[in-house]
Amino acid sequence: MGHREDLLEGAKRCLLEKGYARTTARDIVAASGTNLASIGYHYGSKEALLNQAVLAVTEDWGDSIDQERAGEPLPDEPLERFRELWERIVGTFEASRPLWRLQFEIISRLDQEPELKAALAGAQIEGRTGLAESFQGADVKDDPEKTRVVGIVYHAMLVGVMAQCLIDPETAPSAQDLTDGLRAIMGDG
């Protein structure tokens, strides 16, 4: 890896350990084994590097969910597919707790970080699309509007579930709770 990649990896580690506001350029340099001048040379500023690192750690989490699915086909029945995917997502919470703390910290900072807000807006659309495709499969592939609205619902659920996990993991919803709740909403139980 070169300095650019080392800086990104160091920034990702710092974000997960210290958060956005408490990560300094010196922290990143120490974590990456590079030097202060490298940040400006490769990214322009510490904030630009941190913004890219935020997107990268979020993408890494999404990739880990996809990798967990690799090789195991999901059920075709929609509610079983829903339950199985939520089981995988909720199952990652403890390992991904630092990511979710970071996500909520960043939400609180968006008014002070317009570049980050703009970057996250684009990533949010991609994330919604990925969630829609994961949960609905081929059912949304050829329908952009359905993909959009389904992705919005799953994204809202994801953020809400992870917030509940952060606040009180003991009472946070399980995959079965979410499935049973959806069944009740649909009038099926």
Protein backbone atom coordinates (compact mmCIF):
# COMPACT_ATOMS: atom_id res chain seq x y z
CA MET A 1 0.00 0.00 0.00
CA GLY A 2 1.08 3.57 -0.64
CA HIS A 3 0.65 6.60 1.58
CA ARG A 4 -2.82 7.36 0.18
CA GLU A 5 -4.15 3.93 1.09
CA ASP A 6 -2.30 3.90 4.43
CA LEU A 7 -3.87 7.23 5.33
CA LEU A 8 -7.34 5.98 4.46
CA GLU A 9 -6.88 2.83 6.54
CA GLY A 10 -5.46 4.85 9.44
CA ALA A 11 -8.35 7.31 9.26
CA LYS A 12 -10.87 4.46 9.26
CA ARG A 13 -9.30 3.00 12.41
CA CYS A 14 -9.26 6.40 14.11
CA LEU A 15 -12.89 7.09 13.24
CA LEU A 16 -14.00 3.79 14.73
CA GLU A 17 -11.88 4.23 17.84
CA LYS A 18 -12.20 7.98 18.52
CA GLY A 19 -15.07 9.26 16.41
CA TYR A 20 -15.15 12.07 13.86
CA ALA A 21 -14.80 15.11 16.10
CA ARG A 22 -11.99 13.70 18.28
CA THR A 23 -9.79 12.37 15.47
CA THR A 24 -6.82 14.65 14.83
CA ALA A 25 -4.42 14.75 11.91
CA ARG A 26 -1.70 13.52 14.28
CA ASP A 27 -3.88 10.55 15.24
CA ILE A 28 -4.25 9.62 11.58
CA VAL A 29 -0.52 9.98 10.95
CA ALA A 30 0.28 7.79 13.95
CA ALA A 31 -2.25 5.14 12.88
CA SER A 32 -1.07 5.15 9.27
CA GLY A 33 2.69 5.42 9.70
CA THR A 34 2.81 8.36 7.31
CA ASN A 35 3.46 12.08 7.85
CA LEU A 36 1.32 15.20 8.18
CA ALA A 37 2.23 16.51 4.73
CA SER A 38 0.79 13.31 3.18
CA ILE A 39 -2.73 14.24 4.26
CA GLY A 40 -2.66 17.53 2.36
CA TYR A 41 -0.89 16.02 -0.62
CA HIS A 42 -3.26 13.08 -1.08
CA TYR A 43 -6.58 14.40 0.26
CA GLY A 44 -6.30 18.18 0.52
CA SER A 45 -7.37 18.30 4.16
CA LYS A 46 -7.98 16.16 7.20
CA GLU A 47 -11.73 16.67 6.75
CA ALA A 48 -11.64 15.45 3.16
CA LEU A 49 -9.75 12.34 4.30
CA LEU A 50 -12.16 11.73 7.18
CA ASN A 51 -15.14 12.17 4.86
CA GLN A 52 -13.77 9.58 2.49
CA ALA A 53 -12.99 7.28 5.41
CA VAL A 54 -16.57 7.58 6.69
CA LEU A 55 -17.88 6.42 3.33
CA ALA A 56 -15.31 3.61 3.24
CA VAL A 57 -16.19 2.19 6.69
CA THR A 58 -19.87 2.27 5.79
CA GLU A 59 -19.17 0.50 2.51
CA ASP A 60 -17.01 -2.05 4.36
CA TRP A 61 -19.98 -2.85 6.63
CA GLY A 62 -22.29 -3.31 3.63
CA ASP A 63 -19.72 -5.56 1.97
CA SER A 64 -19.47 -7.64 5.15
CA ILE A 65 -23.24 -8.23 5.08
CA ASP A 66 -22.99 -9.27 1.41
CA GLN A 67 -20.05 -11.59 2.16
CA GLU A 68 -21.94 -13.19 5.01
CA ARG A 69 -24.66 -13.99 2.48
CA ALA A 70 -22.26 -15.39 -0.12
CA GLY A 71 -22.76 -19.06 -0.72
CA GLU A 72 -25.99 -19.23 1.28
CA PRO A 73 -29.06 -18.67 -0.84
CA LEU A 74 -31.79 -16.62 0.79
CA PRO A 75 -35.29 -18.03 1.05
CA ASP A 76 -37.66 -17.17 -1.80
CA GLU A 77 -40.63 -16.60 0.52
CA PRO A 78 -40.64 -12.84 1.24
CA LEU A 79 -41.18 -12.94 5.02
CA GLU A 80 -38.59 -15.67 5.50
CA ARG A 81 -36.13 -13.69 3.35
CA PHE A 82 -36.92 -10.60 5.44
CA ARG A 83 -36.33 -12.49 8.70
CA GLU A 84 -33.11 -14.10 7.47
CA LEU A 85 -31.59 -10.81 6.31
CA TRP A 86 -32.53 -9.05 9.54
CA GLU A 87 -30.98 -11.91 11.48
CA ARG A 88 -27.73 -11.32 9.62
CA ILE A 89 -27.88 -7.55 10.08
CA VAL A 90 -28.81 -7.62 13.77
CA GLY A 91 -26.18 -10.32 14.25
CA THR A 92 -23.47 -7.87 13.17
CA PHE A 93 -24.39 -5.25 15.74
CA GLU A 94 -21.85 -6.01 18.46
CA ALA A 95 -18.99 -6.19 15.96
CA SER A 96 -20.19 -3.04 14.20
CA ARG A 97 -21.10 -1.01 17.32
CA PRO A 98 -18.24 1.51 16.67
CA LEU A 99 -19.56 2.09 13.14
CA TRP A 100 -23.06 2.85 14.41
CA ARG A 101 -21.75 5.19 17.13
CA LEU A 102 -19.84 6.98 14.36
CA GLN A 103 -22.92 7.13 12.10
CA PHE A 104 -25.01 8.83 14.77
CA GLU A 105 -22.19 11.22 15.70
CA ILE A 106 -21.90 12.22 12.06
CA ILE A 107 -25.64 12.83 11.72
CA SER A 108 -25.36 15.34 14.54
CA ARG A 109 -22.51 17.15 12.72
CA LEU A 110 -23.96 17.45 9.23
CA ASP A 111 -24.84 21.13 9.56
CA GLN A 112 -21.17 21.91 10.30
CA GLU A 113 -19.81 19.60 7.57
CA PRO A 114 -21.56 20.43 4.26
CA GLU A 115 -19.08 18.39 2.19
CA LEU A 116 -19.75 15.34 4.33
CA LYS A 117 -23.48 15.92 4.07
CA ALA A 118 -23.25 16.02 0.27
CA ALA A 119 -21.12 12.87 0.15
CA LEU A 120 -23.49 11.02 2.46
CA ALA A 121 -26.52 12.03 0.41
CA GLY A 122 -25.11 10.22 -2.62
CA ALA A 123 -24.05 7.23 -0.56
CA GLN A 124 -27.49 7.09 1.04
CA ILE A 125 -29.12 6.61 -2.37
CA GLU A 126 -26.70 3.79 -3.20
CA GLY A 127 -27.28 2.21 0.20
CA ARG A 128 -31.04 2.30 -0.24
CA THR A 129 -30.73 0.64 -3.62
CA GLY A 130 -28.50 -2.07 -2.15
CA LEU A 131 -30.93 -2.70 0.70
CA ALA A 132 -33.88 -2.93 -1.70
CA GLU A 133 -32.05 -5.40 -3.89
CA SER A 134 -30.90 -7.49 -0.92
CA PHE A 135 -34.34 -7.71 0.64
CA GLN A 136 -36.47 -7.88 -2.49
CA GLY A 137 -34.10 -9.57 -4.93
CA ALA A 138 -35.10 -9.59 -8.57
CA ASP A 139 -38.48 -8.16 -7.59
CA VAL A 140 -37.08 -4.60 -7.79
CA LYS A 141 -34.34 -4.91 -10.42
CA ASP A 142 -36.39 -3.57 -13.32
CA ASP A 143 -38.46 -1.02 -11.44
CA PRO A 144 -36.46 2.05 -10.33
CA GLU A 145 -39.39 3.63 -8.47
CA LYS A 146 -40.13 0.44 -6.56
CA THR A 147 -36.41 0.11 -5.75
CA ARG A 148 -36.38 3.69 -4.47
CA VAL A 149 -39.41 3.43 -2.19
CA VAL A 150 -38.57 -0.04 -0.90
CA GLY A 151 -35.01 1.13 -0.22
CA ILE A 152 -36.33 4.12 1.74
CA VAL A 153 -38.35 1.83 4.02
CA TYR A 154 -35.49 -0.59 4.63
CA HIS A 155 -33.04 2.26 5.25
CA ALA A 156 -35.41 3.83 7.79
CA MET A 157 -35.77 0.45 9.50
CA LEU A 158 -32.01 -0.13 9.52
CA VAL A 159 -31.23 3.22 11.13
CA GLY A 160 -34.05 2.77 13.63
CA VAL A 161 -33.06 -0.77 14.59
CA MET A 162 -29.41 0.18 15.04
CA ALA A 163 -30.37 3.21 17.14
CA GLN A 164 -32.40 0.91 19.38
CA CYS A 165 -29.46 -1.49 19.62
CA LEU A 166 -27.19 1.36 20.71
CA ILE A 167 -29.66 2.68 23.28
CA ASP A 168 -30.65 -0.63 24.86
CA PRO A 169 -29.44 -3.86 23.25
CA GLU A 170 -31.52 -5.91 25.70
CA THR A 171 -34.82 -4.55 24.37
CA ALA A 172 -33.79 -3.89 20.77
CA PRO A 173 -35.81 -5.77 18.17
CA SER A 174 -34.72 -9.18 16.99
CA ALA A 175 -35.17 -10.39 13.44
CA GLN A 176 -38.18 -12.37 14.63
CA ASP A 177 -39.67 -9.28 16.33
CA LEU A 178 -39.37 -7.35 13.06
CA THR A 179 -40.92 -10.22 11.09
CA ASP A 180 -43.78 -10.64 13.55
CA GLY A 181 -44.38 -6.89 13.56
CA LEU A 182 -44.49 -6.78 9.78
CA ARG A 183 -46.91 -9.72 9.75
CA ALA A 184 -49.15 -7.87 12.22
CA ILE A 185 -49.01 -4.65 10.16
CA MET A 186 -49.97 -6.60 7.04
CA GLY A 187 -52.87 -8.20 8.92
CA ASP A 188 -51.43 -11.70 8.69
CA GLY A 189 -51.12 -12.40 12.38
